[in-house]
Structures are given as structure tokens and as C-alpha cells.
N, C-alpha and C. Protein backbone atom coordinates (compact mmCIF):
# COMPACT_ATOMS: atom_id res chain seq x y z
N MET A 1 90.35 114.56 113.07
CA MET A 1 91.25 114.44 111.95
C MET A 1 92.55 113.81 112.45
N LYS A 2 93.12 112.95 111.61
CA LYS A 2 94.39 112.30 111.89
C LYS A 2 95.33 112.49 110.70
N ILE A 3 96.60 112.52 111.00
CA ILE A 3 97.64 112.62 109.98
C ILE A 3 98.55 111.40 110.14
N PHE A 4 98.84 110.74 109.02
CA PHE A 4 99.71 109.57 109.06
C PHE A 4 100.77 109.67 107.97
N MET A 5 101.99 109.25 108.32
CA MET A 5 103.01 109.03 107.31
C MET A 5 102.96 107.54 107.00
N LEU A 6 102.78 107.23 105.73
CA LEU A 6 102.75 105.84 105.29
C LEU A 6 104.03 105.54 104.52
N TYR A 7 104.70 104.47 104.88
CA TYR A 7 105.84 103.98 104.11
C TYR A 7 105.29 102.86 103.24
N THR A 8 105.29 103.07 101.95
CA THR A 8 104.72 102.12 101.01
C THR A 8 105.81 101.62 100.06
N GLY A 9 105.45 100.72 99.19
CA GLY A 9 106.41 100.20 98.22
C GLY A 9 106.96 101.27 97.30
N SER A 10 106.21 102.33 97.08
CA SER A 10 106.69 103.40 96.20
C SER A 10 107.27 104.57 96.97
N GLY A 11 107.39 104.46 98.28
CA GLY A 11 108.00 105.51 99.09
C GLY A 11 107.02 106.11 100.09
N PRO A 12 107.51 107.02 100.93
CA PRO A 12 106.67 107.64 101.94
C PRO A 12 105.65 108.61 101.35
N LEU A 13 104.51 108.74 102.01
CA LEU A 13 103.55 109.78 101.72
C LEU A 13 102.83 110.13 103.01
N VAL A 14 102.26 111.31 103.06
CA VAL A 14 101.55 111.77 104.26
C VAL A 14 100.09 111.97 103.88
N ILE A 15 99.21 111.36 104.68
CA ILE A 15 97.78 111.49 104.42
C ILE A 15 97.08 112.19 105.58
N MET A 16 95.98 112.83 105.27
CA MET A 16 95.09 113.44 106.24
C MET A 16 93.76 112.71 106.11
N THR A 17 93.17 112.33 107.23
CA THR A 17 91.93 111.57 107.17
C THR A 17 91.02 111.90 108.34
N SER A 18 89.74 111.71 108.12
CA SER A 18 88.77 111.87 109.20
C SER A 18 88.60 110.56 109.98
N TYR A 19 89.17 109.47 109.50
CA TYR A 19 89.13 108.21 110.23
C TYR A 19 89.95 108.32 111.51
N LYS A 20 89.53 107.65 112.55
CA LYS A 20 90.20 107.71 113.85
C LYS A 20 91.46 106.87 113.91
N SER A 21 91.59 105.91 112.99
CA SER A 21 92.72 104.99 113.02
C SER A 21 93.13 104.62 111.60
N VAL A 22 94.41 104.37 111.42
CA VAL A 22 94.91 103.92 110.11
C VAL A 22 94.45 102.49 109.83
N GLU A 23 93.94 101.82 110.87
CA GLU A 23 93.47 100.45 110.72
C GLU A 23 91.95 100.37 110.52
N ALA A 24 91.28 101.51 110.40
CA ALA A 24 89.83 101.53 110.19
C ALA A 24 89.50 100.86 108.85
N PRO A 25 88.53 99.94 108.83
CA PRO A 25 88.20 99.22 107.59
C PRO A 25 87.92 100.15 106.41
N GLY A 26 87.19 101.23 106.63
CA GLY A 26 86.89 102.16 105.54
C GLY A 26 88.14 102.79 104.95
N LEU A 27 89.08 103.15 105.81
CA LEU A 27 90.32 103.75 105.32
C LEU A 27 91.16 102.70 104.59
N LEU A 28 91.21 101.49 105.12
CA LEU A 28 91.95 100.43 104.44
C LEU A 28 91.38 100.15 103.05
N GLU A 29 90.06 100.23 102.92
CA GLU A 29 89.42 100.04 101.61
C GLU A 29 89.83 101.16 100.65
N LYS A 30 89.85 102.39 101.12
CA LYS A 30 90.22 103.52 100.27
C LYS A 30 91.69 103.42 99.85
N LEU A 31 92.55 103.06 100.78
CA LEU A 31 93.97 102.90 100.44
C LEU A 31 94.16 101.78 99.44
N SER A 32 93.45 100.68 99.66
CA SER A 32 93.54 99.54 98.76
C SER A 32 93.08 99.92 97.35
N ALA A 33 92.03 100.74 97.26
CA ALA A 33 91.54 101.19 95.96
C ALA A 33 92.58 102.04 95.23
N LYS A 34 93.49 102.64 96.00
CA LYS A 34 94.58 103.44 95.42
C LYS A 34 95.84 102.61 95.20
N GLY A 35 95.73 101.29 95.42
CA GLY A 35 96.87 100.40 95.20
C GLY A 35 97.80 100.28 96.39
N ILE A 36 97.38 100.78 97.54
CA ILE A 36 98.21 100.70 98.75
C ILE A 36 97.64 99.60 99.63
N HIS A 37 98.28 98.44 99.58
CA HIS A 37 97.82 97.27 100.33
C HIS A 37 98.72 96.97 101.53
N LYS A 38 99.97 97.30 101.40
CA LYS A 38 100.96 96.98 102.43
C LYS A 38 101.69 98.27 102.79
N PHE A 39 101.80 98.54 104.10
CA PHE A 39 102.47 99.76 104.52
C PHE A 39 102.85 99.69 105.99
N ILE A 40 103.71 100.60 106.37
CA ILE A 40 104.00 100.89 107.77
C ILE A 40 103.54 102.32 107.98
N ALA A 41 102.77 102.57 109.03
CA ALA A 41 102.22 103.91 109.27
C ALA A 41 102.65 104.42 110.63
N HIS A 42 102.91 105.71 110.67
CA HIS A 42 103.18 106.42 111.92
C HIS A 42 102.25 107.61 111.97
N GLU A 43 101.58 107.81 113.11
CA GLU A 43 100.76 109.00 113.26
C GLU A 43 101.66 110.21 113.49
N ILE A 44 101.28 111.32 112.90
CA ILE A 44 101.98 112.59 113.07
C ILE A 44 101.04 113.50 113.86
N PRO A 45 101.51 114.12 114.94
CA PRO A 45 100.63 115.05 115.66
C PRO A 45 100.12 116.15 114.72
N VAL A 46 98.83 116.44 114.80
CA VAL A 46 98.20 117.40 113.90
C VAL A 46 98.89 118.75 113.95
N LYS A 47 99.17 119.24 115.13
CA LYS A 47 99.81 120.56 115.27
C LYS A 47 101.18 120.59 114.61
N LEU A 48 101.91 119.50 114.71
CA LEU A 48 103.23 119.41 114.08
C LEU A 48 103.11 119.44 112.55
N ALA A 49 102.17 118.67 112.03
CA ALA A 49 101.95 118.66 110.58
C ALA A 49 101.50 120.04 110.11
N GLU A 50 100.64 120.67 110.87
CA GLU A 50 100.16 122.01 110.52
C GLU A 50 101.33 123.00 110.48
N GLN A 51 102.22 122.88 111.44
CA GLN A 51 103.39 123.77 111.49
C GLN A 51 104.32 123.53 110.30
N ARG A 52 104.57 122.28 109.98
CA ARG A 52 105.53 121.96 108.91
C ARG A 52 104.99 122.26 107.52
N TYR A 53 103.68 122.06 107.32
CA TYR A 53 103.10 122.25 105.99
C TYR A 53 102.43 123.61 105.80
N ALA A 54 102.19 124.33 106.88
CA ALA A 54 101.66 125.71 106.87
C ALA A 54 100.45 125.88 105.95
N GLY A 55 100.54 126.76 104.95
CA GLY A 55 99.43 127.08 104.08
C GLY A 55 98.88 125.89 103.33
N HIS A 56 99.76 124.98 102.92
CA HIS A 56 99.31 123.78 102.20
C HIS A 56 98.42 122.93 103.11
N PHE A 57 98.77 122.84 104.37
CA PHE A 57 97.97 122.09 105.34
C PHE A 57 96.55 122.67 105.41
N GLU A 58 96.46 123.98 105.53
CA GLU A 58 95.15 124.64 105.63
C GLU A 58 94.30 124.38 104.39
N MET A 59 94.92 124.42 103.21
CA MET A 59 94.20 124.19 101.97
C MET A 59 93.64 122.76 101.92
N VAL A 60 94.47 121.79 102.27
CA VAL A 60 94.03 120.39 102.24
C VAL A 60 92.97 120.15 103.31
N GLN A 61 93.15 120.71 104.48
CA GLN A 61 92.18 120.54 105.57
C GLN A 61 90.83 121.13 105.18
N ARG A 62 90.81 122.25 104.52
CA ARG A 62 89.57 122.89 104.08
C ARG A 62 88.78 121.97 103.16
N ASN A 63 89.49 121.15 102.38
CA ASN A 63 88.84 120.28 101.41
C ASN A 63 88.46 118.91 101.99
N LEU A 64 88.78 118.67 103.25
CA LEU A 64 88.47 117.39 103.89
C LEU A 64 87.11 117.50 104.57
N ASP A 65 86.19 116.63 104.21
CA ASP A 65 84.90 116.59 104.90
C ASP A 65 84.47 115.13 105.06
N GLU A 66 83.32 114.94 105.60
CA GLU A 66 82.88 113.58 105.92
C GLU A 66 82.67 112.72 104.69
N SER A 67 82.33 113.31 103.56
CA SER A 67 82.10 112.50 102.36
C SER A 67 83.39 112.25 101.59
N ASP A 68 84.44 112.98 101.91
CA ASP A 68 85.73 112.83 101.25
C ASP A 68 86.77 112.73 102.35
N ASP A 69 86.87 111.56 102.97
CA ASP A 69 87.58 111.42 104.22
C ASP A 69 89.03 110.98 104.11
N LEU A 70 89.63 111.17 102.94
CA LEU A 70 91.05 110.87 102.76
C LEU A 70 91.64 111.87 101.78
N ARG A 71 92.69 112.52 102.21
CA ARG A 71 93.42 113.45 101.35
C ARG A 71 94.91 113.16 101.49
N VAL A 72 95.62 113.29 100.39
CA VAL A 72 97.07 113.16 100.43
C VAL A 72 97.62 114.54 100.73
N LEU A 73 98.31 114.66 101.84
CA LEU A 73 98.91 115.92 102.23
C LEU A 73 100.25 116.11 101.54
N ASP A 74 100.98 114.99 101.34
CA ASP A 74 102.28 115.08 100.69
C ASP A 74 102.58 113.76 100.00
N TYR A 75 102.70 113.80 98.69
CA TYR A 75 103.05 112.61 97.92
C TYR A 75 104.52 112.61 97.53
N ASN A 76 105.24 113.67 97.87
CA ASN A 76 106.68 113.74 97.62
C ASN A 76 107.39 113.06 98.78
N GLY A 77 107.75 111.80 98.58
CA GLY A 77 108.33 111.01 99.65
C GLY A 77 109.60 111.58 100.23
N GLU A 78 110.43 112.14 99.40
CA GLU A 78 111.69 112.72 99.89
C GLU A 78 111.40 113.87 100.86
N ARG A 79 110.49 114.75 100.49
CA ARG A 79 110.15 115.88 101.37
C ARG A 79 109.47 115.39 102.64
N ALA A 80 108.51 114.48 102.51
CA ALA A 80 107.79 113.97 103.68
C ALA A 80 108.76 113.31 104.65
N PHE A 81 109.70 112.56 104.14
CA PHE A 81 110.67 111.86 104.98
C PHE A 81 111.60 112.85 105.67
N ARG A 82 111.93 113.92 105.00
CA ARG A 82 112.84 114.94 105.53
C ARG A 82 112.18 115.83 106.58
N LEU A 83 110.88 116.07 106.47
CA LEU A 83 110.19 117.02 107.35
C LEU A 83 110.02 116.56 108.79
N PHE A 84 110.06 115.25 109.02
CA PHE A 84 109.76 114.74 110.36
C PHE A 84 110.88 113.83 110.87
N ARG A 85 111.22 114.03 112.13
CA ARG A 85 112.19 113.16 112.80
C ARG A 85 111.46 111.92 113.30
N PHE A 86 112.15 110.80 113.37
CA PHE A 86 111.51 109.57 113.85
C PHE A 86 110.95 109.74 115.26
N ASP A 87 111.65 110.49 116.11
CA ASP A 87 111.18 110.65 117.49
C ASP A 87 109.95 111.57 117.59
N GLU A 88 109.53 112.18 116.49
CA GLU A 88 108.32 113.00 116.48
C GLU A 88 107.08 112.20 116.07
N LEU A 89 107.30 111.00 115.58
CA LEU A 89 106.23 110.17 115.04
C LEU A 89 105.70 109.19 116.08
N GLY A 90 104.43 108.84 115.94
CA GLY A 90 103.84 107.83 116.82
C GLY A 90 104.40 106.44 116.51
N ARG A 91 103.99 105.48 117.29
CA ARG A 91 104.51 104.12 117.10
C ARG A 91 104.07 103.54 115.76
N ALA A 92 104.86 102.62 115.28
CA ALA A 92 104.62 102.03 113.95
C ALA A 92 103.42 101.09 113.98
N ARG A 93 102.60 101.20 112.95
CA ARG A 93 101.49 100.28 112.71
C ARG A 93 101.78 99.62 111.37
N LYS A 94 101.80 98.31 111.35
CA LYS A 94 102.12 97.57 110.13
C LYS A 94 100.86 96.96 109.55
N ARG A 95 100.76 97.02 108.23
CA ARG A 95 99.61 96.43 107.54
C ARG A 95 100.13 95.60 106.37
N GLU A 96 99.78 94.34 106.40
CA GLU A 96 100.15 93.45 105.31
C GLU A 96 98.97 92.53 105.06
N PRO A 97 98.43 92.53 103.86
CA PRO A 97 97.27 91.67 103.60
C PRO A 97 97.66 90.20 103.63
N ASP A 98 96.68 89.36 103.97
CA ASP A 98 96.92 87.91 103.98
C ASP A 98 97.13 87.37 102.57
N VAL A 99 96.44 87.98 101.62
CA VAL A 99 96.48 87.51 100.23
C VAL A 99 96.74 88.70 99.33
N TYR A 100 97.62 88.52 98.36
CA TYR A 100 97.85 89.56 97.37
C TYR A 100 96.99 89.26 96.15
N PHE A 101 96.37 90.28 95.60
CA PHE A 101 95.47 90.11 94.47
C PHE A 101 96.19 90.28 93.16
N ASP A 102 97.40 90.79 93.19
CA ASP A 102 98.20 90.97 91.98
C ASP A 102 98.83 89.61 91.64
N LYS A 103 98.44 89.02 90.52
CA LYS A 103 98.92 87.69 90.16
C LYS A 103 100.42 87.64 89.96
N GLU A 104 101.02 88.78 89.64
CA GLU A 104 102.48 88.81 89.47
C GLU A 104 103.19 88.58 90.79
N LEU A 105 102.53 88.86 91.91
CA LEU A 105 103.15 88.68 93.21
C LEU A 105 102.96 87.26 93.74
N SER A 106 102.05 86.51 93.17
CA SER A 106 101.75 85.17 93.67
C SER A 106 102.86 84.19 93.36
């Protein structure tokens, strides 16, 4: 299991996933299906996320399995941003698609 903070156009969110990397094609497809095409991601150590989210973490983790390999741990960007210091996060991974499918962006 991996935990990532994603900085997206609509603000930060924290996801829990069974994918080994935020760059895994399957995870990118799932994020894209949710309208998340461009982001900056930082890995959060699992133990740290578990400590900060406590009971909520356990509930979300219980619902994560191989057939449902992406869960949003925190969609409240203000809280997610406040809970973690930059020096607690892994290095930044940037994702920007080569082509935007939204005609308004073209």
C-alpha cells in the first residue's frame, strides 16, 4: 500500500492505493477517469499517514483491496495540506499529459 498527496488543479488530496507507484499506468488511468490528468505527487510514509488520520485511516484501509485499488483518504485540501510538513513528504513526482482532451483547454 502507498499513500500519496496529490496537488491538483482543484487543490490537494490524499489517496491510498495498492499500486506501487503514482506513475503506474493503471493508477494513472483511474485518476484520469476521475478528471485528474495533471498533478504533482509526494509519497507520504504509511506510518505517518496512519498516525495523522488514526481511525479514518483504518476504515479506508479496510475497504482497500485488489479489485478496488484506489481510495481517497482525504479530499479536504486544506486539512490535507495542514497535516503534513514538506520535509515529511517524499520527492515530487510531476505528471502532465502530452495532450489535453478538454477542448476548452486547447
